[in-house]
N, C-alpha and C. Protein backbone atom coordinates (compact mmCIF):
# COMPACT_ATOMS: atom_id res chain seq x y z
N MET A 1 -55.63 -8.64 -56.74
CA MET A 1 -56.42 -9.51 -55.90
C MET A 1 -55.48 -10.48 -55.19
N ARG A 2 -55.64 -10.61 -53.89
CA ARG A 2 -54.80 -11.50 -53.10
C ARG A 2 -55.58 -12.74 -52.72
N PHE A 3 -55.04 -13.90 -53.04
CA PHE A 3 -55.70 -15.15 -52.72
C PHE A 3 -55.25 -15.64 -51.35
N ARG A 4 -56.15 -16.30 -50.65
CA ARG A 4 -55.81 -16.88 -49.35
C ARG A 4 -54.88 -18.07 -49.56
N PRO A 5 -54.01 -18.34 -48.58
CA PRO A 5 -53.12 -19.51 -48.70
C PRO A 5 -53.93 -20.80 -48.82
N ARG A 6 -53.50 -21.65 -49.71
CA ARG A 6 -54.17 -22.93 -49.91
C ARG A 6 -53.63 -23.94 -48.91
N PRO A 7 -54.41 -24.94 -48.57
CA PRO A 7 -53.93 -26.01 -47.69
C PRO A 7 -52.73 -26.73 -48.32
N ALA A 8 -51.83 -27.24 -47.48
CA ALA A 8 -50.65 -27.95 -47.96
C ALA A 8 -51.03 -29.28 -48.60
N VAL A 9 -52.14 -29.87 -48.16
CA VAL A 9 -52.61 -31.12 -48.73
C VAL A 9 -53.73 -30.79 -49.70
N PRO A 10 -53.51 -31.02 -51.01
CA PRO A 10 -54.56 -30.68 -51.98
C PRO A 10 -55.78 -31.59 -51.83
N LEU A 11 -56.91 -31.10 -52.31
CA LEU A 11 -58.15 -31.86 -52.24
C LEU A 11 -58.03 -33.22 -52.92
N THR A 12 -57.20 -33.30 -53.95
CA THR A 12 -57.03 -34.56 -54.67
C THR A 12 -56.05 -35.50 -53.98
N GLY A 13 -55.42 -35.05 -52.89
CA GLY A 13 -54.47 -35.87 -52.17
C GLY A 13 -55.03 -36.32 -50.84
N SER A 14 -54.24 -37.06 -50.11
CA SER A 14 -54.65 -37.46 -48.77
C SER A 14 -53.42 -37.51 -47.88
N ALA A 15 -53.63 -37.31 -46.61
CA ALA A 15 -52.54 -37.34 -45.66
C ALA A 15 -53.10 -37.58 -44.26
N LEU A 16 -52.33 -38.24 -43.45
CA LEU A 16 -52.67 -38.40 -42.05
C LEU A 16 -51.94 -37.29 -41.31
N LEU A 17 -52.69 -36.33 -40.80
CA LEU A 17 -52.10 -35.18 -40.12
C LEU A 17 -51.99 -35.49 -38.63
N VAL A 18 -50.77 -35.54 -38.15
CA VAL A 18 -50.54 -35.89 -36.75
C VAL A 18 -49.72 -34.83 -36.02
N ASN A 19 -49.59 -33.65 -36.61
CA ASN A 19 -48.83 -32.54 -36.03
C ASN A 19 -47.36 -32.89 -35.79
N GLY A 20 -46.79 -33.70 -36.69
CA GLY A 20 -45.36 -34.00 -36.61
C GLY A 20 -44.54 -32.78 -37.00
N ARG A 21 -43.26 -32.82 -36.68
CA ARG A 21 -42.38 -31.67 -36.91
C ARG A 21 -42.28 -31.25 -38.38
N VAL A 22 -42.29 -32.19 -39.28
CA VAL A 22 -42.13 -31.86 -40.71
C VAL A 22 -43.44 -32.02 -41.48
N GLN A 23 -44.55 -32.05 -40.76
CA GLN A 23 -45.86 -32.21 -41.39
C GLN A 23 -46.68 -30.93 -41.23
N PRO A 24 -47.68 -30.78 -42.09
CA PRO A 24 -48.56 -29.61 -41.93
C PRO A 24 -49.28 -29.66 -40.58
N GLU A 25 -49.50 -28.49 -39.98
CA GLU A 25 -50.25 -28.41 -38.73
C GLU A 25 -51.73 -28.61 -39.01
N ILE A 26 -52.38 -29.47 -38.26
CA ILE A 26 -53.79 -29.75 -38.51
C ILE A 26 -54.64 -28.50 -38.31
N GLY A 27 -54.38 -27.70 -37.28
CA GLY A 27 -55.16 -26.48 -37.05
C GLY A 27 -55.04 -25.50 -38.20
N LEU A 28 -53.83 -25.29 -38.68
CA LEU A 28 -53.61 -24.38 -39.80
C LEU A 28 -54.26 -24.91 -41.07
N GLU A 29 -54.16 -26.20 -41.29
CA GLU A 29 -54.79 -26.80 -42.47
C GLU A 29 -56.31 -26.62 -42.43
N LEU A 30 -56.91 -26.84 -41.27
CA LEU A 30 -58.37 -26.67 -41.15
C LEU A 30 -58.77 -25.22 -41.35
N LYS A 31 -57.99 -24.29 -40.83
CA LYS A 31 -58.29 -22.86 -41.03
C LYS A 31 -58.22 -22.51 -42.51
N ARG A 32 -57.23 -23.03 -43.20
CA ARG A 32 -57.11 -22.76 -44.64
C ARG A 32 -58.26 -23.38 -45.42
N GLU A 33 -58.68 -24.57 -45.02
CA GLU A 33 -59.82 -25.20 -45.69
C GLU A 33 -61.09 -24.38 -45.47
N LEU A 34 -61.33 -23.93 -44.24
CA LEU A 34 -62.50 -23.11 -43.94
C LEU A 34 -62.50 -21.81 -44.74
N ALA A 35 -61.32 -21.23 -44.93
CA ALA A 35 -61.21 -19.97 -45.66
C ALA A 35 -61.57 -20.11 -47.13
N SER A 36 -61.46 -21.31 -47.67
CA SER A 36 -61.70 -21.50 -49.10
C SER A 36 -62.98 -22.29 -49.40
N ALA A 37 -63.70 -22.71 -48.37
CA ALA A 37 -64.88 -23.57 -48.57
C ALA A 37 -66.17 -22.76 -48.60
N ASP A 38 -67.20 -23.34 -49.22
CA ASP A 38 -68.54 -22.75 -49.13
C ASP A 38 -69.46 -23.62 -48.29
N HIS A 39 -69.10 -24.89 -48.08
CA HIS A 39 -69.81 -25.73 -47.13
C HIS A 39 -68.85 -26.79 -46.59
N VAL A 40 -69.10 -27.19 -45.34
CA VAL A 40 -68.24 -28.17 -44.68
C VAL A 40 -69.13 -29.20 -44.00
N ASP A 41 -68.85 -30.46 -44.26
CA ASP A 41 -69.49 -31.57 -43.56
C ASP A 41 -68.41 -32.22 -42.71
N LEU A 42 -68.52 -32.10 -41.40
CA LEU A 42 -67.53 -32.62 -40.48
C LEU A 42 -68.06 -33.87 -39.81
N LEU A 43 -67.39 -34.98 -40.02
CA LEU A 43 -67.71 -36.23 -39.36
C LEU A 43 -66.59 -36.49 -38.37
N CYS A 44 -66.90 -36.41 -37.10
CA CYS A 44 -65.87 -36.44 -36.07
C CYS A 44 -66.38 -37.24 -34.87
N ALA A 45 -65.68 -38.30 -34.50
CA ALA A 45 -66.12 -39.15 -33.39
C ALA A 45 -66.24 -38.37 -32.09
N ILE A 46 -65.32 -37.44 -31.86
CA ILE A 46 -65.29 -36.68 -30.62
C ILE A 46 -65.06 -35.20 -30.94
N VAL A 47 -65.85 -34.31 -30.35
CA VAL A 47 -65.67 -32.87 -30.52
C VAL A 47 -65.26 -32.32 -29.17
N LYS A 48 -64.10 -31.68 -29.13
CA LYS A 48 -63.55 -31.15 -27.88
C LYS A 48 -63.58 -29.62 -27.89
N TRP A 49 -63.76 -29.04 -26.70
CA TRP A 49 -63.81 -27.59 -26.56
C TRP A 49 -62.54 -26.94 -27.09
N ASN A 50 -61.38 -27.51 -26.78
CA ASN A 50 -60.14 -26.88 -27.20
C ASN A 50 -60.05 -26.79 -28.72
N GLY A 51 -60.51 -27.81 -29.42
CA GLY A 51 -60.50 -27.77 -30.88
C GLY A 51 -61.42 -26.70 -31.43
N VAL A 52 -62.60 -26.57 -30.86
CA VAL A 52 -63.54 -25.53 -31.29
C VAL A 52 -62.97 -24.15 -30.96
N ARG A 53 -62.38 -24.02 -29.78
CA ARG A 53 -61.81 -22.74 -29.36
C ARG A 53 -60.71 -22.28 -30.32
N VAL A 54 -59.85 -23.20 -30.71
CA VAL A 54 -58.74 -22.87 -31.61
C VAL A 54 -59.26 -22.45 -32.99
N LEU A 55 -60.36 -23.06 -33.43
CA LEU A 55 -60.90 -22.80 -34.77
C LEU A 55 -62.06 -21.81 -34.78
N ALA A 56 -62.47 -21.31 -33.61
CA ALA A 56 -63.69 -20.49 -33.50
C ALA A 56 -63.70 -19.29 -34.45
N GLU A 57 -62.61 -18.55 -34.53
CA GLU A 57 -62.58 -17.37 -35.39
C GLU A 57 -62.73 -17.76 -36.86
N ALA A 58 -62.05 -18.81 -37.29
CA ALA A 58 -62.16 -19.26 -38.68
C ALA A 58 -63.55 -19.80 -38.98
N ILE A 59 -64.14 -20.51 -38.03
CA ILE A 59 -65.51 -21.03 -38.21
C ILE A 59 -66.49 -19.88 -38.29
N ASP A 60 -66.34 -18.91 -37.40
CA ASP A 60 -67.23 -17.75 -37.39
C ASP A 60 -67.16 -16.97 -38.70
N GLU A 61 -65.96 -16.74 -39.20
CA GLU A 61 -65.79 -16.04 -40.49
C GLU A 61 -66.43 -16.84 -41.61
N PHE A 62 -66.21 -18.14 -41.61
CA PHE A 62 -66.79 -19.03 -42.62
C PHE A 62 -68.32 -18.93 -42.62
N LEU A 63 -68.92 -19.01 -41.45
CA LEU A 63 -70.38 -18.96 -41.36
C LEU A 63 -70.93 -17.57 -41.69
N HIS A 64 -70.22 -16.52 -41.31
CA HIS A 64 -70.69 -15.16 -41.60
C HIS A 64 -70.64 -14.81 -43.08
N ARG A 65 -69.81 -15.48 -43.82
CA ARG A 65 -69.79 -15.21 -45.26
C ARG A 65 -70.72 -16.17 -46.02
N GLY A 66 -71.60 -16.86 -45.26
CA GLY A 66 -72.63 -17.68 -45.88
C GLY A 66 -72.32 -19.16 -45.97
N GLY A 67 -71.24 -19.60 -45.35
CA GLY A 67 -70.90 -21.02 -45.37
C GLY A 67 -71.89 -21.85 -44.57
N ARG A 68 -71.94 -23.12 -44.87
CA ARG A 68 -72.81 -24.04 -44.17
C ARG A 68 -71.95 -25.11 -43.51
N LEU A 69 -72.10 -25.26 -42.19
CA LEU A 69 -71.33 -26.24 -41.43
C LEU A 69 -72.27 -27.27 -40.84
N ARG A 70 -72.08 -28.52 -41.24
CA ARG A 70 -72.85 -29.63 -40.67
C ARG A 70 -71.88 -30.53 -39.92
N VAL A 71 -72.23 -30.84 -38.67
CA VAL A 71 -71.37 -31.65 -37.81
C VAL A 71 -72.12 -32.91 -37.41
N VAL A 72 -71.48 -34.05 -37.59
CA VAL A 72 -71.99 -35.32 -37.10
C VAL A 72 -70.96 -35.86 -36.12
N THR A 73 -71.39 -36.14 -34.90
CA THR A 73 -70.48 -36.65 -33.88
C THR A 73 -71.18 -37.69 -33.03
N THR A 74 -70.51 -38.14 -31.97
CA THR A 74 -71.05 -39.20 -31.13
C THR A 74 -70.90 -38.84 -29.66
N THR A 75 -71.52 -39.66 -28.83
CA THR A 75 -71.32 -39.58 -27.39
C THR A 75 -70.34 -40.68 -26.96
N TYR A 76 -69.57 -41.19 -27.88
CA TYR A 76 -68.62 -42.27 -27.63
C TYR A 76 -67.76 -42.00 -26.40
N ILE A 77 -67.75 -42.88 -25.48
CA ILE A 77 -67.05 -42.85 -24.19
C ILE A 77 -67.25 -41.53 -23.43
N GLY A 78 -68.26 -40.78 -23.78
CA GLY A 78 -68.56 -39.53 -23.08
C GLY A 78 -67.52 -38.44 -23.29
N ALA A 79 -66.74 -38.55 -24.36
CA ALA A 79 -65.62 -37.63 -24.56
C ALA A 79 -65.99 -36.33 -25.28
N THR A 80 -67.11 -36.29 -26.00
CA THR A 80 -67.51 -35.05 -26.68
C THR A 80 -67.90 -34.02 -25.63
N ASP A 81 -67.38 -32.81 -25.77
CA ASP A 81 -67.66 -31.73 -24.82
C ASP A 81 -68.94 -31.00 -25.21
N ARG A 82 -69.89 -30.98 -24.31
CA ARG A 82 -71.15 -30.28 -24.56
C ARG A 82 -70.91 -28.80 -24.83
N LEU A 83 -69.97 -28.20 -24.12
CA LEU A 83 -69.65 -26.79 -24.34
C LEU A 83 -69.23 -26.54 -25.78
N ALA A 84 -68.48 -27.48 -26.35
CA ALA A 84 -68.05 -27.34 -27.75
C ALA A 84 -69.26 -27.38 -28.68
N LEU A 85 -70.19 -28.29 -28.43
CA LEU A 85 -71.39 -28.37 -29.27
C LEU A 85 -72.26 -27.13 -29.09
N ASP A 86 -72.36 -26.65 -27.86
CA ASP A 86 -73.13 -25.43 -27.60
C ASP A 86 -72.56 -24.26 -28.40
N ARG A 87 -71.24 -24.14 -28.39
CA ARG A 87 -70.58 -23.04 -29.10
C ARG A 87 -70.80 -23.14 -30.60
N LEU A 88 -70.65 -24.35 -31.14
CA LEU A 88 -70.88 -24.55 -32.58
C LEU A 88 -72.32 -24.23 -32.95
N ALA A 89 -73.25 -24.67 -32.13
CA ALA A 89 -74.67 -24.39 -32.39
C ALA A 89 -74.95 -22.90 -32.33
N ALA A 90 -74.36 -22.21 -31.35
CA ALA A 90 -74.56 -20.77 -31.22
C ALA A 90 -74.01 -20.02 -32.43
N MET A 91 -72.97 -20.56 -33.04
CA MET A 91 -72.40 -19.93 -34.24
C MET A 91 -73.24 -20.21 -35.47
N GLY A 92 -74.09 -21.24 -35.43
CA GLY A 92 -74.95 -21.54 -36.57
C GLY A 92 -74.71 -22.88 -37.23
N ALA A 93 -73.91 -23.73 -36.62
CA ALA A 93 -73.67 -25.06 -37.19
C ALA A 93 -74.90 -25.94 -37.01
N GLU A 94 -75.11 -26.85 -37.94
CA GLU A 94 -76.14 -27.86 -37.82
C GLU A 94 -75.47 -29.09 -37.22
N ILE A 95 -76.02 -29.61 -36.12
CA ILE A 95 -75.35 -30.66 -35.38
C ILE A 95 -76.26 -31.87 -35.21
N ARG A 96 -75.67 -33.05 -35.43
CA ARG A 96 -76.34 -34.31 -35.12
C ARG A 96 -75.39 -35.13 -34.26
N VAL A 97 -75.91 -35.65 -33.16
CA VAL A 97 -75.11 -36.45 -32.26
C VAL A 97 -75.73 -37.83 -32.16
N TYR A 98 -74.92 -38.83 -32.36
CA TYR A 98 -75.38 -40.20 -32.26
C TYR A 98 -74.89 -40.78 -30.94
N GLY A 99 -75.83 -41.34 -30.16
CA GLY A 99 -75.50 -41.94 -28.88
C GLY A 99 -75.24 -43.42 -29.03
N SER A 100 -75.10 -44.09 -27.92
CA SER A 100 -74.75 -45.49 -27.94
C SER A 100 -75.91 -46.40 -28.35
N SER A 101 -77.15 -45.95 -28.16
CA SER A 101 -78.26 -46.84 -28.47
C SER A 101 -78.95 -46.52 -29.79
N SER A 102 -79.22 -45.24 -30.06
CA SER A 102 -79.90 -44.90 -31.30
C SER A 102 -79.56 -43.48 -31.72
N PRO A 103 -79.60 -43.21 -33.03
CA PRO A 103 -79.31 -41.84 -33.48
C PRO A 103 -80.42 -40.89 -33.08
N GLN A 104 -80.03 -39.68 -32.78
CA GLN A 104 -80.97 -38.61 -32.48
C GLN A 104 -80.67 -37.49 -33.44
N ALA A 105 -81.53 -37.24 -34.37
CA ALA A 105 -81.25 -36.20 -35.36
C ALA A 105 -82.53 -35.46 -35.69
N GLY A 106 -82.38 -34.23 -36.11
CA GLY A 106 -83.55 -33.45 -36.44
C GLY A 106 -83.23 -32.37 -37.43
N ALA A 107 -84.22 -31.57 -37.73
CA ALA A 107 -84.06 -30.49 -38.70
C ALA A 107 -83.32 -29.33 -38.07
N ALA A 108 -82.34 -28.83 -38.76
CA ALA A 108 -81.57 -27.70 -38.23
C ALA A 108 -82.41 -26.44 -38.23
N GLY A 109 -82.15 -25.60 -37.25
CA GLY A 109 -82.81 -24.31 -37.19
C GLY A 109 -84.21 -24.36 -36.61
N SER A 110 -84.67 -25.51 -36.19
CA SER A 110 -85.99 -25.64 -35.63
C SER A 110 -86.05 -25.00 -34.25
N ASP A 111 -87.20 -24.50 -33.85
CA ASP A 111 -87.37 -23.95 -32.51
C ASP A 111 -88.09 -24.94 -31.60
N SER A 112 -88.11 -26.20 -31.99
CA SER A 112 -88.77 -27.21 -31.17
C SER A 112 -87.74 -28.20 -30.67
N ALA A 113 -88.17 -29.13 -29.86
CA ALA A 113 -87.28 -30.17 -29.34
C ALA A 113 -86.82 -31.11 -30.43
N GLU A 114 -87.29 -30.91 -31.64
CA GLU A 114 -86.85 -31.74 -32.76
C GLU A 114 -85.73 -31.04 -33.53
N GLY A 115 -85.06 -30.11 -32.89
CA GLY A 115 -83.95 -29.40 -33.50
C GLY A 115 -82.71 -30.27 -33.56
N ARG A 116 -81.58 -29.64 -33.72
CA ARG A 116 -80.33 -30.38 -33.82
C ARG A 116 -80.12 -31.21 -32.57
N ALA A 117 -79.70 -32.43 -32.76
CA ALA A 117 -79.51 -33.31 -31.62
C ALA A 117 -78.27 -32.92 -30.82
N CYS A 118 -78.34 -33.19 -29.55
CA CYS A 118 -77.24 -32.90 -28.64
C CYS A 118 -77.03 -34.16 -27.80
N PRO A 119 -75.97 -34.26 -27.00
CA PRO A 119 -75.76 -35.48 -26.24
C PRO A 119 -77.02 -35.92 -25.51
N ALA A 120 -77.07 -37.15 -25.18
CA ALA A 120 -78.25 -37.87 -24.72
C ALA A 120 -79.23 -37.12 -23.83
N ASP A 121 -78.84 -36.03 -23.21
CA ASP A 121 -79.76 -35.36 -22.29
C ASP A 121 -80.51 -34.19 -22.90
N GLY A 122 -80.36 -33.91 -24.18
CA GLY A 122 -81.12 -32.80 -24.74
C GLY A 122 -80.87 -32.57 -26.20
N PHE A 123 -81.55 -31.59 -26.74
CA PHE A 123 -81.41 -31.19 -28.13
C PHE A 123 -81.06 -29.72 -28.20
N VAL A 124 -80.34 -29.34 -29.23
CA VAL A 124 -80.11 -27.93 -29.48
C VAL A 124 -81.23 -27.46 -30.39
N ALA A 125 -82.02 -26.51 -29.91
CA ALA A 125 -83.13 -25.97 -30.70
C ALA A 125 -82.90 -24.47 -30.83
N GLY A 126 -82.58 -24.03 -32.04
CA GLY A 126 -82.22 -22.63 -32.20
C GLY A 126 -80.93 -22.38 -31.44
N ASP A 127 -80.98 -21.52 -30.43
CA ASP A 127 -79.78 -21.25 -29.66
C ASP A 127 -79.94 -21.68 -28.20
N ARG A 128 -80.89 -22.56 -27.91
CA ARG A 128 -81.07 -23.00 -26.52
C ARG A 128 -81.13 -24.52 -26.45
N LEU A 129 -80.82 -25.06 -25.27
CA LEU A 129 -80.91 -26.49 -25.05
C LEU A 129 -82.28 -26.85 -24.52
N VAL A 130 -82.85 -27.88 -25.06
CA VAL A 130 -84.15 -28.37 -24.65
C VAL A 130 -83.96 -29.77 -24.09
N PRO A 131 -84.30 -30.01 -22.81
CA PRO A 131 -84.11 -31.34 -22.23
C PRO A 131 -84.98 -32.38 -22.92
N ARG A 132 -84.49 -33.61 -22.96
CA ARG A 132 -85.29 -34.72 -23.49
C ARG A 132 -86.41 -35.01 -22.54
N THR A 133 -87.54 -35.42 -23.07
CA THR A 133 -88.69 -35.75 -22.24
C THR A 133 -88.88 -37.24 -22.06
N SER A 134 -88.19 -38.04 -22.84
CA SER A 134 -88.35 -39.49 -22.71
C SER A 134 -87.06 -40.16 -22.35
């Protein structure tokens, strides 16, 4: 039996990963964590398309083997990429986005406008975007 490589930073340790020359690569570390996890709760102020694109294969494999991915992010300075959230939602992630005035959150997997929250102009419901009505 061959085990997957473990992350360089153990769960009992902590490190600030900044992609320095002699430090673990953050992308590789996240891929290794996804390969060994059964659920992931990601709290991230900003979600960018490039980050999702780099991790898409690892996230997809994680979700296809029954993993659960919950993402909490913000609309802080408008930097979160809607395309990134759309891609995560299409893969099966549960997403909540908090805006500048009030949180917008709902039940994952719903087919109504009360589905996973998306930036201030809509919600992710199932695999489609539903515009806000108020």
